């Protein structure tokens, strides 16, 4: 069993940042694959000697591979081979619009083709799947369509419905507008380019050390930043969420849903509703709330982050509960 002490404290993270950066440069492999429609897809991978387990990670919207440097550092020490995958429009994979700040989806089906390509090229045999936020929506759709076939899955802060002031019918109306060609590639209401928000004004995580290191990297590499979603993104994501909730197709692998209890980005109750809908599946999902957490669990304070990551990996690789 993996203990929460296998993960760094924020103090150790800050003091060992030079070693983590050296590890990132020397030990983490960067892969690039070409799609049939001429785009490139990027992923980062760590392969520790004698790795016992294999893990695919699908990150949240607008993230970078480097965000996972601390986690890769920890996974390497645990002997776990891992790759973080970036579908089109995300990370350093091909952006879809002339303005790279616009977070866009052309077709959700393209994202499923992308993860299928990653799975084929990386060649992981028996693997676990860990996803965060928007990556959870991709993961559930990919498993449903057979694009991914993990042995076990953990979904952290899953984006199954946004936490917004709009009612469900209002959000559906806004999302439907994303099908209009003249509106599809525009920012949604209040959308804009990436902003460097001070720590005391953020509502993503409570850990100052991790939050500031994450955004300091963006200041050093502004070309990696991604802004808010477009109407097209909202249209495609909402349509996929509605398809998942409408489908009676059962989950194909044991899944642990871990919504963040204090999430202000996605609606945590949607994860509970999804689990309830699938409570009679052969692979009955588990639901465990991460108490006290905001949305960005991987950058949270030690008392939230480390037990959550230990629980996720234990579920994926050992715990049969």
C-alpha atoms as a PDB file:
ATOM      1  CA  UNK A   1       0.000   0.000   0.000  1.00  0.00           C
ATOM      2  CA  UNK A   2       1.152   3.530  -0.821  1.00  0.00           C
ATOM      3  CA  UNK A   3       1.328   5.799   2.193  1.00  0.00           C
ATOM      4  CA  UNK A   4       0.594   9.541   2.070  1.00  0.00           C
ATOM      5  CA  UNK A   5       4.126  10.080   3.358  1.00  0.00           C
ATOM      6  CA  UNK A   6       5.326   8.875  -0.055  1.00  0.00           C
ATOM      7  CA  UNK A   7       4.431  12.345  -1.324  1.00  0.00           C
ATOM      8  CA  UNK A   8       6.287  15.590  -0.706  1.00  0.00           C
ATOM      9  CA  UNK A   9       5.205  18.184   1.781  1.00  0.00           C
ATOM     10  CA  UNK A  10       4.919  21.724   0.466  1.00  0.00           C
ATOM     11  CA  UNK A  11       8.063  22.591   2.410  1.00  0.00           C
ATOM     12  CA  UNK A  12      10.022  19.769   0.802  1.00  0.00           C
ATOM     13  CA  UNK A  13       8.584  20.687  -2.591  1.00  0.00           C
ATOM     14  CA  UNK A  14       9.893  24.233  -2.223  1.00  0.00           C
ATOM     15  CA  UNK A  15      13.314  23.151  -0.948  1.00  0.00           C
ATOM     16  CA  UNK A  16      13.718  20.358  -3.526  1.00  0.00           C
ATOM     17  CA  UNK A  17      12.501  22.382  -6.492  1.00  0.00           C
ATOM     18  CA  UNK A  18      16.002  22.512  -8.060  1.00  0.00           C
ATOM     19  CA  UNK A  19      16.210  18.693  -7.892  1.00  0.00           C
ATOM     20  CA  UNK A  20      12.680  18.369  -9.299  1.00  0.00           C
ATOM     21  CA  UNK A  21      13.606  20.656 -12.203  1.00  0.00           C
ATOM     22  CA  UNK A  22      16.786  18.658 -12.865  1.00  0.00           C
ATOM     23  CA  UNK A  23      14.735  15.450 -12.741  1.00  0.00           C
ATOM     24  CA  UNK A  24      12.229  16.947 -15.203  1.00  0.00           C
ATOM     25  CA  UNK A  25      14.957  17.863 -17.674  1.00  0.00           C
ATOM     26  CA  UNK A  26      16.899  14.590 -17.461  1.00  0.00           C
ATOM     27  CA  UNK A  27      14.404  11.851 -16.633  1.00  0.00           C
ATOM     28  CA  UNK A  28      11.116  12.869 -18.229  1.00  0.00           C
ATOM     29  CA  UNK A  29      10.706  11.939 -21.892  1.00  0.00           C
ATOM     30  CA  UNK A  30       8.760  14.151 -24.275  1.00  0.00           C
ATOM     31  CA  UNK A  31       6.874  12.372 -27.075  1.00  0.00           C
ATOM     32  CA  UNK A  32       5.165  13.808 -30.148  1.00  0.00           C
ATOM     33  CA  UNK A  33       2.757  11.902 -32.398  1.00  0.00           C
ATOM     34  CA  UNK A  34       1.158  12.985 -35.669  1.00  0.00           C
ATOM     35  CA  UNK A  35      -2.568  12.611 -36.314  1.00  0.00           C
ATOM     36  CA  UNK A  36      -4.098  11.644 -39.643  1.00  0.00           C
ATOM     37  CA  UNK A  37      -5.414  15.186 -40.068  1.00  0.00           C
ATOM     38  CA  UNK A  38      -1.957  16.734 -39.740  1.00  0.00           C
ATOM     39  CA  UNK A  39      -1.887  17.838 -36.108  1.00  0.00           C
ATOM     40  CA  UNK A  40       0.645  16.892 -33.449  1.00  0.00           C
ATOM     41  CA  UNK A  41      -0.124  15.459 -30.022  1.00  0.00           C
ATOM     42  CA  UNK A  42       2.343  15.707 -27.143  1.00  0.00           C
ATOM     43  CA  UNK A  43       2.789  13.720 -23.972  1.00  0.00           C
ATOM     44  CA  UNK A  44       5.377  13.508 -21.207  1.00  0.00           C
ATOM     45  CA  UNK A  45       6.464  10.191 -19.705  1.00  0.00           C
ATOM     46  CA  UNK A  46       8.569   8.953 -16.827  1.00  0.00           C
ATOM     47  CA  UNK A  47       9.941   5.394 -16.939  1.00  0.00           C
ATOM     48  CA  UNK A  48      11.718   4.514 -13.689  1.00  0.00           C
ATOM     49  CA  UNK A  49      14.014   1.462 -13.730  1.00  0.00           C
ATOM     50  CA  UNK A  50      12.119  -1.734 -12.976  1.00  0.00           C
ATOM     51  CA  UNK A  51       8.742  -0.007 -13.068  1.00  0.00           C
ATOM     52  CA  UNK A  52       6.079  -2.306 -11.631  1.00  0.00           C
ATOM     53  CA  UNK A  53       2.950  -0.429 -12.660  1.00  0.00           C
ATOM     54  CA  UNK A  54       1.762   1.683 -15.602  1.00  0.00           C
ATOM     55  CA  UNK A  55      -0.391   4.791 -15.353  1.00  0.00           C
ATOM     56  CA  UNK A  56      -1.998   7.011 -17.988  1.00  0.00           C
ATOM     57  CA  UNK A  57      -2.927  10.510 -16.819  1.00  0.00           C
ATOM     58  CA  UNK A  58      -5.406  12.773 -18.606  1.00  0.00           C
ATOM     59  CA  UNK A  59      -5.066  16.291 -17.174  1.00  0.00           C
ATOM     60  CA  UNK A  60      -7.508  19.123 -16.727  1.00  0.00           C
ATOM     61  CA  UNK A  61      -8.253  21.860 -19.227  1.00  0.00           C
ATOM     62  CA  UNK A  62      -5.516  24.379 -19.956  1.00  0.00           C
ATOM     63  CA  UNK A  63      -2.718  22.622 -18.049  1.00  0.00           C
ATOM     64  CA  UNK A  64       0.922  21.971 -18.950  1.00  0.00           C
ATOM     65  CA  UNK A  65       2.968  18.803 -18.671  1.00  0.00           C
ATOM     66  CA  UNK A  66       5.327  20.599 -16.295  1.00  0.00           C
ATOM     67  CA  UNK A  67       2.513  20.935 -13.772  1.00  0.00           C
ATOM     68  CA  UNK A  68       3.044  17.213 -13.150  1.00  0.00           C
ATOM     69  CA  UNK A  69       6.782  17.533 -12.409  1.00  0.00           C
ATOM     70  CA  UNK A  70       6.347  17.064  -8.647  1.00  0.00           C
ATOM     71  CA  UNK A  71       3.944  14.154  -9.162  1.00  0.00           C
ATOM     72  CA  UNK A  72       6.275  12.482 -11.679  1.00  0.00           C
ATOM     73  CA  UNK A  73       9.143  12.918  -9.199  1.00  0.00           C
ATOM     74  CA  UNK A  74       7.035  11.064  -6.613  1.00  0.00           C
ATOM     75  CA  UNK A  75       5.790   8.417  -9.064  1.00  0.00           C
ATOM     76  CA  UNK A  76       9.353   7.686 -10.140  1.00  0.00           C
ATOM     77  CA  UNK A  77      10.353   7.062  -6.510  1.00  0.00           C
ATOM     78  CA  UNK A  78       7.352   4.700  -6.236  1.00  0.00           C
ATOM     79  CA  UNK A  79       8.476   2.766  -9.320  1.00  0.00           C
ATOM     80  CA  UNK A  80       5.428   3.704 -11.408  1.00  0.00           C
ATOM     81  CA  UNK A  81       5.747   4.324 -15.139  1.00  0.00           C
ATOM     82  CA  UNK A  82       3.430   7.184 -16.091  1.00  0.00           C
ATOM     83  CA  UNK A  83       2.496   9.369 -19.052  1.00  0.00           C
ATOM     84  CA  UNK A  84       0.413  12.555 -19.079  1.00  0.00           C
ATOM     85  CA  UNK A  85      -1.491  12.990 -22.352  1.00  0.00           C
ATOM     86  CA  UNK A  86      -2.519  16.217 -24.083  1.00  0.00           C
ATOM     87  CA  UNK A  87      -5.272  16.020 -26.678  1.00  0.00           C
ATOM     88  CA  UNK A  88      -5.503  18.603 -29.464  1.00  0.00           C
ATOM     89  CA  UNK A  89      -5.997  22.130 -28.169  1.00  0.00           C
ATOM     90  CA  UNK A  90      -4.299  21.373 -24.844  1.00  0.00           C
ATOM     91  CA  UNK A  91      -0.751  21.706 -23.505  1.00  0.00           C
ATOM     92  CA  UNK A  92       1.804  21.840 -26.322  1.00  0.00           C
ATOM     93  CA  UNK A  93      -0.357  19.720 -28.626  1.00  0.00           C
ATOM     94  CA  UNK A  94      -1.650  21.580 -31.683  1.00  0.00           C
ATOM     95  CA  UNK A  95      -3.877  24.518 -30.809  1.00  0.00           C
ATOM     96  CA  UNK A  96      -6.997  24.679 -32.937  1.00  0.00           C
ATOM     97  CA  UNK A  97      -7.455  28.415 -33.496  1.00  0.00           C
ATOM     98  CA  UNK A  98      -5.225  31.256 -34.672  1.00  0.00           C
ATOM     99  CA  UNK A  99      -5.560  32.777 -31.209  1.00  0.00           C
ATOM    100  CA  UNK A 100      -3.819  30.177 -28.961  1.00  0.00           C
ATOM    101  CA  UNK A 101      -5.472  31.692 -25.874  1.00  0.00           C
ATOM    102  CA  UNK A 102      -8.876  30.371 -26.937  1.00  0.00           C
ATOM    103  CA  UNK A 103      -9.488  26.922 -25.458  1.00  0.00           C
ATOM    104  CA  UNK A 104     -11.492  25.235 -28.196  1.00  0.00           C
ATOM    105  CA  UNK A 105     -12.947  21.879 -29.256  1.00  0.00           C
ATOM    106  CA  UNK A 106     -13.777  21.221 -32.889  1.00  0.00           C
ATOM    107  CA  UNK A 107     -15.412  17.855 -32.247  1.00  0.00           C
ATOM    108  CA  UNK A 108     -15.371  15.758 -29.084  1.00  0.00           C
ATOM    109  CA  UNK A 109     -14.966  12.688 -31.267  1.00  0.00           C
ATOM    110  CA  UNK A 110     -11.536  14.039 -32.277  1.00  0.00           C
ATOM    111  CA  UNK A 111     -10.430  13.964 -28.634  1.00  0.00           C
ATOM    112  CA  UNK A 112     -11.382  10.299 -28.397  1.00  0.00           C
ATOM    113  CA  UNK A 113      -9.350   9.591 -31.537  1.00  0.00           C
ATOM    114  CA  UNK A 114      -6.435  11.382 -29.898  1.00  0.00           C
ATOM    115  CA  UNK A 115      -6.444   9.247 -26.747  1.00  0.00           C
ATOM    116  CA  UNK A 116      -6.817   6.130 -28.889  1.00  0.00           C
ATOM    117  CA  UNK A 117      -3.657   7.188 -30.758  1.00  0.00           C
ATOM    118  CA  UNK A 118      -1.791   7.792 -27.495  1.00  0.00           C
ATOM    119  CA  UNK A 119      -2.786   4.367 -26.156  1.00  0.00           C
ATOM    120  CA  UNK A 120      -1.652   2.700 -29.362  1.00  0.00           C
ATOM    121  CA  UNK A 121       1.682   4.533 -29.634  1.00  0.00           C
ATOM    122  CA  UNK A 122       2.662   4.225 -25.964  1.00  0.00           C
ATOM    123  CA  UNK A 123       1.791   0.536 -25.926  1.00  0.00           C
ATOM    124  CA  UNK A 124       0.865   0.251 -22.249  1.00  0.00           C
ATOM    125  CA  UNK A 125      -0.415  -3.279 -21.613  1.00  0.00           C
ATOM    126  CA  UNK A 126      -2.289  -3.421 -18.327  1.00  0.00           C
ATOM    127  CA  UNK A 127      -2.590   0.124 -17.020  1.00  0.00           C
ATOM    128  CA  UNK A 128      -4.464   2.320 -14.601  1.00  0.00           C
ATOM    129  CA  UNK A 129      -6.077   5.606 -15.561  1.00  0.00           C
ATOM    130  CA  UNK A 130      -5.994   8.778 -13.486  1.00  0.00           C
ATOM    131  CA  UNK A 131      -7.813  11.886 -14.668  1.00  0.00           C
ATOM    132  CA  UNK A 132      -8.470  15.376 -13.412  1.00  0.00           C
ATOM    133  CA  UNK A 133     -11.389  17.724 -14.156  1.00  0.00           C
ATOM    134  CA  UNK A 134     -11.935  17.961 -17.950  1.00  0.00           C
ATOM    135  CA  UNK A 135      -9.732  14.884 -18.322  1.00  0.00           C
ATOM    136  CA  UNK A 136     -12.429  12.923 -16.459  1.00  0.00           C
ATOM    137  CA  UNK A 137     -15.005  13.810 -19.104  1.00  0.00           C
ATOM    138  CA  UNK A 138     -12.612  12.667 -21.825  1.00  0.00           C
ATOM    139  CA  UNK A 139     -11.848   9.477 -19.876  1.00  0.00           C
ATOM    140  CA  UNK A 140     -15.468   8.466 -19.338  1.00  0.00           C
ATOM    141  CA  UNK A 141     -16.290   9.080 -22.998  1.00  0.00           C
ATOM    142  CA  UNK A 142     -13.139   7.245 -24.149  1.00  0.00           C
ATOM    143  CA  UNK A 143     -13.962   4.190 -22.032  1.00  0.00           C
ATOM    144  CA  UNK A 144     -17.550   4.185 -23.255  1.00  0.00           C
ATOM    145  CA  UNK A 145     -16.387   4.263 -26.896  1.00  0.00           C
ATOM    146  CA  UNK A 146     -13.557   1.748 -26.381  1.00  0.00           C
ATOM    147  CA  UNK A 147     -10.780   4.266 -27.041  1.00  0.00           C
ATOM    148  CA  UNK A 148      -9.255   3.408 -23.641  1.00  0.00           C
ATOM    149  CA  UNK A 149      -9.432   0.116 -21.741  1.00  0.00           C
ATOM    150  CA  UNK A 150      -7.860   0.662 -18.312  1.00  0.00           C
ATOM    151  CA  UNK A 151      -7.915  -1.969 -15.586  1.00  0.00           C
ATOM    152  CA  UNK A 152      -9.015   0.549 -12.932  1.00  0.00           C
ATOM    153  CA  UNK A 153      -9.769   4.255 -12.924  1.00  0.00           C
ATOM    154  CA  UNK A 154      -9.739   7.213 -10.539  1.00  0.00           C
ATOM    155  CA  UNK A 155     -11.456  10.474 -11.502  1.00  0.00           C
ATOM    156  CA  UNK A 156     -10.537  13.518  -9.399  1.00  0.00           C
ATOM    157  CA  UNK A 157     -12.713  16.669  -9.384  1.00  0.00           C
ATOM    158  CA  UNK A 158     -14.602  15.381 -12.440  1.00  0.00           C
ATOM    159  CA  UNK A 159     -16.032  17.913 -14.865  1.00  0.00           C
ATOM    160  CA  UNK A 160     -19.497  16.453 -15.376  1.00  0.00           C
ATOM    161  CA  UNK A 161     -21.232  19.832 -15.058  1.00  0.00           C
ATOM    162  CA  UNK A 162     -19.786  23.301 -14.397  1.00  0.00           C
ATOM    163  CA  UNK A 163     -20.352  25.162 -11.145  1.00  0.00           C
ATOM    164  CA  UNK A 164     -21.988  28.279 -12.534  1.00  0.00           C
ATOM    165  CA  UNK A 165     -24.617  30.873 -11.722  1.00  0.00           C
ATOM    166  CA  UNK A 166     -26.595  29.720 -14.756  1.00  0.00           C
ATOM    167  CA  UNK A 167     -29.423  27.224 -14.333  1.00  0.00           C
ATOM    168  CA  UNK A 168     -29.169  23.961 -16.311  1.00  0.00           C
ATOM    169  CA  UNK A 169     -31.583  25.175 -18.984  1.00  0.00           C
ATOM    170  CA  UNK A 170     -29.764  28.506 -19.315  1.00  0.00           C
ATOM    171  CA  UNK A 171     -26.447  26.692 -19.674  1.00  0.00           C
ATOM    172  CA  UNK A 172     -27.911  24.375 -22.308  1.00  0.00           C
ATOM    173  CA  UNK A 173     -29.118  27.443 -24.217  1.00  0.00           C
ATOM    174  CA  UNK A 174     -25.670  29.071 -24.066  1.00  0.00           C
ATOM    175  CA  UNK A 175     -24.023  25.796 -25.075  1.00  0.00           C
ATOM    176  CA  UNK A 176     -26.454  25.357 -27.977  1.00  0.00           C
ATOM    177  CA  UNK A 177     -25.393  28.775 -29.261  1.00  0.00           C
ATOM    178  CA  UNK A 178     -21.927  27.285 -29.701  1.00  0.00           C
ATOM    179  CA  UNK A 179     -23.162  25.481 -32.792  1.00  0.00           C
ATOM    180  CA  UNK A 180     -23.563  28.794 -34.618  1.00  0.00           C
ATOM    181  CA  UNK A 181     -20.580  29.299 -36.972  1.00  0.00           C
ATOM    182  CA  UNK A 182     -20.222  33.025 -36.242  1.00  0.00           C
ATOM    183  CA  UNK A 183     -20.180  32.416 -32.457  1.00  0.00           C
ATOM    184  CA  UNK A 184     -18.411  29.061 -32.187  1.00  0.00           C
ATOM    185  CA  UNK A 185     -14.840  30.382 -31.966  1.00  0.00           C
ATOM    186  CA  UNK A 186     -15.551  33.292 -29.625  1.00  0.00           C
ATOM    187  CA  UNK A 187     -14.982  33.372 -25.880  1.00  0.00           C
ATOM    188  CA  UNK A 188     -18.011  32.555 -23.734  1.00  0.00           C
ATOM    189  CA  UNK A 189     -19.359  35.284 -21.393  1.00  0.00           C
ATOM    190  CA  UNK A 190     -16.589  36.557 -19.110  1.00  0.00           C
ATOM    191  CA  UNK A 191     -14.021  34.546 -21.087  1.00  0.00           C
ATOM    192  CA  UNK A 192     -10.613  36.059 -21.722  1.00  0.00           C
ATOM    193  CA  UNK A 193      -6.928  35.276 -22.111  1.00  0.00           C
ATOM    194  CA  UNK A 194      -4.870  33.734 -19.293  1.00  0.00           C
ATOM    195  CA  UNK A 195      -4.436  36.000 -16.268  1.00  0.00           C
ATOM    196  CA  UNK A 196      -1.844  35.660 -13.523  1.00  0.00           C
ATOM    197  CA  UNK A 197      -4.155  35.879 -10.510  1.00  0.00           C
ATOM    198  CA  UNK A 198      -2.522  36.483  -7.098  1.00  0.00           C
ATOM    199  CA  UNK A 199      -2.673  33.552  -4.703  1.00  0.00           C
ATOM    200  CA  UNK A 200      -4.986  35.303  -2.209  1.00  0.00           C
ATOM    201  CA  UNK A 201      -7.552  35.874  -4.974  1.00  0.00           C
ATOM    202  CA  UNK A 202      -7.588  32.341  -6.364  1.00  0.00           C
ATOM    203  CA  UNK A 203     -10.238  29.652  -5.730  1.00  0.00           C
ATOM    204  CA  UNK A 204      -8.375  26.650  -7.185  1.00  0.00           C
ATOM    205  CA  UNK A 205      -6.094  25.556  -4.332  1.00  0.00           C
ATOM    206  CA  UNK A 206      -5.028  26.479  -0.796  1.00  0.00           C
ATOM    207  CA  UNK A 207      -1.287  25.766  -1.129  1.00  0.00           C
ATOM    208  CA  UNK A 208       0.708  28.940  -1.722  1.00  0.00           C
ATOM    209  CA  UNK A 209       3.996  27.178  -2.535  1.00  0.00           C
ATOM    210  CA  UNK A 210       2.523  24.981  -5.272  1.00  0.00           C
ATOM    211  CA  UNK A 211       0.235  27.673  -6.647  1.00  0.00           C
ATOM    212  CA  UNK A 212       3.012  30.225  -6.995  1.00  0.00           C
ATOM    213  CA  UNK A 213       5.449  27.707  -8.522  1.00  0.00           C
ATOM    214  CA  UNK A 214       2.793  26.674 -11.061  1.00  0.00           C
ATOM    215  CA  UNK A 215       2.150  30.233 -12.199  1.00  0.00           C
ATOM    216  CA  UNK A 216       5.818  31.243 -12.021  1.00  0.00           C
ATOM    217  CA  UNK A 217       6.411  28.623 -14.722  1.00  0.00           C
ATOM    218  CA  UNK A 218       3.796  30.326 -16.882  1.00  0.00           C
ATOM    219  CA  UNK A 219       5.568  33.662 -16.407  1.00  0.00           C
ATOM    220  CA  UNK A 220       8.764  32.023 -17.675  1.00  0.00           C
ATOM    221  CA  UNK A 221       6.910  30.301 -20.541  1.00  0.00           C
ATOM    222  CA  UNK A 222       4.007  32.555 -21.591  1.00  0.00           C
ATOM    223  CA  UNK A 223       3.646  30.620 -24.846  1.00  0.00           C
ATOM    224  CA  UNK A 224       2.232  27.702 -22.819  1.00  0.00           C
ATOM    225  CA  UNK A 225      -0.685  29.617 -21.336  1.00  0.00           C
ATOM    226  CA  UNK A 226      -4.274  28.940 -22.395  1.00  0.00           C
ATOM    227  CA  UNK A 227      -7.222  31.187 -21.618  1.00  0.00           C
ATOM    228  CA  UNK A 228     -10.924  30.554 -21.200  1.00  0.00           C
ATOM    229  CA  UNK A 229     -13.138  28.242 -23.271  1.00  0.00           C
ATOM    230  CA  UNK A 230     -14.908  29.216 -26.467  1.00  0.00           C
ATOM    231  CA  UNK A 231     -18.596  28.737 -27.190  1.00  0.00           C
ATOM    232  CA  UNK A 232     -17.512  25.762 -29.299  1.00  0.00           C
ATOM    233  CA  UNK A 233     -15.756  24.184 -26.318  1.00  0.00           C
ATOM    234  CA  UNK A 234     -18.837  24.641 -24.142  1.00  0.00           C
ATOM    235  CA  UNK A 235     -21.101  23.273 -26.886  1.00  0.00           C
ATOM    236  CA  UNK A 236     -19.045  20.097 -27.353  1.00  0.00           C
ATOM    237  CA  UNK A 237     -18.369  19.510 -23.643  1.00  0.00           C
ATOM    238  CA  UNK A 238     -22.005  20.038 -22.628  1.00  0.00           C
ATOM    239  CA  UNK A 239     -23.244  17.746 -25.404  1.00  0.00           C
ATOM    240  CA  UNK A 240     -20.833  15.040 -24.200  1.00  0.00           C
ATOM    241  CA  UNK A 241     -21.931  15.467 -20.583  1.00  0.00           C
ATOM    242  CA  UNK A 242     -25.575  15.116 -21.589  1.00  0.00           C
ATOM    243  CA  UNK A 243     -24.769  12.018 -23.669  1.00  0.00           C
ATOM    244  CA  UNK A 244     -23.029  10.391 -20.721  1.00  0.00           C
ATOM    245  CA  UNK A 245     -25.944  11.049 -18.374  1.00  0.00           C
ATOM    246  CA  UNK A 246     -28.471   9.843 -20.958  1.00  0.00           C
ATOM    247  CA  UNK A 247     -26.602   6.636 -21.745  1.00  0.00           C
ATOM    248  CA  UNK A 248     -27.576   3.389 -20.040  1.00  0.00           C
ATOM    249  CA  UNK A 249     -24.290   1.808 -21.046  1.00  0.00           C
ATOM    250  CA  UNK A 250     -22.477   0.512 -17.961  1.00  0.00           C
ATOM    251  CA  UNK A 251     -19.020   1.474 -16.761  1.00  0.00           C
ATOM    252  CA  UNK A 252     -16.434  -0.925 -18.181  1.00  0.00           C
ATOM    253  CA  UNK A 253     -13.889  -0.777 -15.354  1.00  0.00           C
ATOM    254  CA  UNK A 254     -13.964  -0.178 -11.598  1.00  0.00           C
ATOM    255  CA  UNK A 255     -14.036   3.603 -11.072  1.00  0.00           C
ATOM    256  CA  UNK A 256     -13.395   5.734  -8.019  1.00  0.00           C
ATOM    257  CA  UNK A 257     -14.941   9.203  -8.265  1.00  0.00           C
ATOM    258  CA  UNK A 258     -13.269  11.754  -5.988  1.00  0.00           C
ATOM    259  CA  UNK A 259     -15.083  15.110  -6.227  1.00  0.00           C
ATOM    260  CA  UNK A 260     -13.594  18.078  -4.375  1.00  0.00           C
ATOM    261  CA  UNK A 261     -16.006  18.996  -1.577  1.00  0.00           C
ATOM    262  CA  UNK A 262     -15.500  22.766  -1.875  1.00  0.00           C
ATOM    263  CA  UNK A 263     -15.138  22.892  -5.662  1.00  0.00           C
ATOM    264  CA  UNK A 264     -16.069  26.260  -7.188  1.00  0.00           C
ATOM    265  CA  UNK A 265     -15.198  25.269 -10.758  1.00  0.00           C
ATOM    266  CA  UNK A 266     -17.221  22.097 -11.358  1.00  0.00           C
ATOM    267  CA  UNK A 267     -20.392  20.851  -9.697  1.00  0.00           C
ATOM    268  CA  UNK A 268     -19.410  18.070  -7.313  1.00  0.00           C
ATOM    269  CA  UNK A 269     -23.009  16.903  -6.956  1.00  0.00           C
ATOM    270  CA  UNK A 270     -22.936  15.890 -10.642  1.00  0.00           C
ATOM    271  CA  UNK A 271     -20.386  13.180  -9.805  1.00  0.00           C
ATOM    272  CA  UNK A 272     -22.691  11.877  -7.073  1.00  0.00           C
ATOM    273  CA  UNK A 273     -25.625  11.863  -9.519  1.00  0.00           C
ATOM    274  CA  UNK A 274     -23.570   9.977 -12.103  1.00  0.00           C
ATOM    275  CA  UNK A 275     -22.501   7.360  -9.555  1.00  0.00           C
ATOM    276  CA  UNK A 276     -26.102   6.926  -8.422  1.00  0.00           C
ATOM    277  CA  UNK A 277     -27.198   6.337 -12.006  1.00  0.00           C
ATOM    278  CA  UNK A 278     -24.601   3.571 -12.333  1.00  0.00           C
ATOM    279  CA  UNK A 279     -24.944   2.001  -8.880  1.00  0.00           C
ATOM    280  CA  UNK A 280     -26.228  -1.255 -10.371  1.00  0.00           C
ATOM    281  CA  UNK A 281     -23.458  -1.625 -12.970  1.00  0.00           C
ATOM    282  CA  UNK A 282     -21.315  -4.751 -12.801  1.00  0.00           C
ATOM    283  CA  UNK A 283     -18.380  -2.379 -12.213  1.00  0.00           C
ATOM    284  CA  UNK A 284     -20.211  -0.373  -9.552  1.00  0.00           C
ATOM    285  CA  UNK A 285     -18.519   3.030  -9.102  1.00  0.00           C
ATOM    286  CA  UNK A 286     -17.245   4.257  -5.726  1.00  0.00           C
ATOM    287  CA  UNK A 287     -17.683   7.834  -4.540  1.00  0.00           C
ATOM    288  CA  UNK A 288     -15.379   9.489  -1.987  1.00  0.00           C
ATOM    289  CA  UNK A 289     -15.441  13.244  -1.481  1.00  0.00           C
ATOM    290  CA  UNK A 290     -12.147  15.084  -0.879  1.00  0.00           C
ATOM    291  CA  UNK A 291     -13.074  17.168   2.134  1.00  0.00           C
ATOM    292  CA  UNK A 292     -11.892  20.769   2.295  1.00  0.00           C
ATOM    293  CA  UNK A 293     -10.534  20.776  -1.229  1.00  0.00           C
ATOM    294  CA  UNK A 294     -10.962  23.320  -3.958  1.00  0.00           C
ATOM    295  CA  UNK A 295     -10.695  22.219  -7.575  1.00  0.00           C
ATOM    296  CA  UNK A 296      -6.951  21.829  -8.207  1.00  0.00           C
ATOM    297  CA  UNK A 297      -6.285  18.823  -5.983  1.00  0.00           C
ATOM    298  CA  UNK A 298      -2.789  18.098  -7.295  1.00  0.00           C
ATOM    299  CA  UNK A 299      -1.690  21.559  -6.121  1.00  0.00           C
ATOM    300  CA  UNK A 300      -3.559  21.479  -2.807  1.00  0.00           C
ATOM    301  CA  UNK A 301      -2.153  21.648   0.720  1.00  0.00           C
ATOM    302  CA  UNK A 302      -0.463  18.502   2.041  1.00  0.00           C
ATOM    303  CA  UNK A 303      -3.377  17.465   4.265  1.00  0.00           C
ATOM    304  CA  UNK A 304      -5.638  17.326   1.181  1.00  0.00           C
ATOM    305  CA  UNK A 305      -3.328  16.483  -1.711  1.00  0.00           C
ATOM    306  CA  UNK A 306      -1.238  13.684  -0.292  1.00  0.00           C
ATOM    307  CA  UNK A 307      -3.990  11.470   1.193  1.00  0.00           C
ATOM    308  CA  UNK A 308      -6.051  11.978  -1.996  1.00  0.00           C
ATOM    309  CA  UNK A 309      -3.200  10.924  -4.284  1.00  0.00           C
ATOM    310  CA  UNK A 310      -2.343   7.950  -2.064  1.00  0.00           C
ATOM    311  CA  UNK A 311      -5.985   6.844  -2.101  1.00  0.00           C
ATOM    312  CA  UNK A 312      -6.175   7.259  -5.882  1.00  0.00           C
ATOM    313  CA  UNK A 313      -3.077   5.169  -6.556  1.00  0.00           C
ATOM    314  CA  UNK A 314      -4.020   2.517  -4.023  1.00  0.00           C
ATOM    315  CA  UNK A 315      -7.420   2.142  -5.668  1.00  0.00           C
ATOM    316  CA  UNK A 316      -5.883   1.954  -9.139  1.00  0.00           C
ATOM    317  CA  UNK A 317      -3.082  -0.473  -8.275  1.00  0.00           C
ATOM    318  CA  UNK A 318      -4.087  -2.496  -5.256  1.00  0.00           C
ATOM    319  CA  UNK A 319      -7.116  -1.713  -3.155  1.00  0.00           C
ATOM    320  CA  UNK A 320     -10.053  -3.794  -4.371  1.00  0.00           C
ATOM    321  CA  UNK A 321     -12.664  -1.819  -2.424  1.00  0.00           C
END
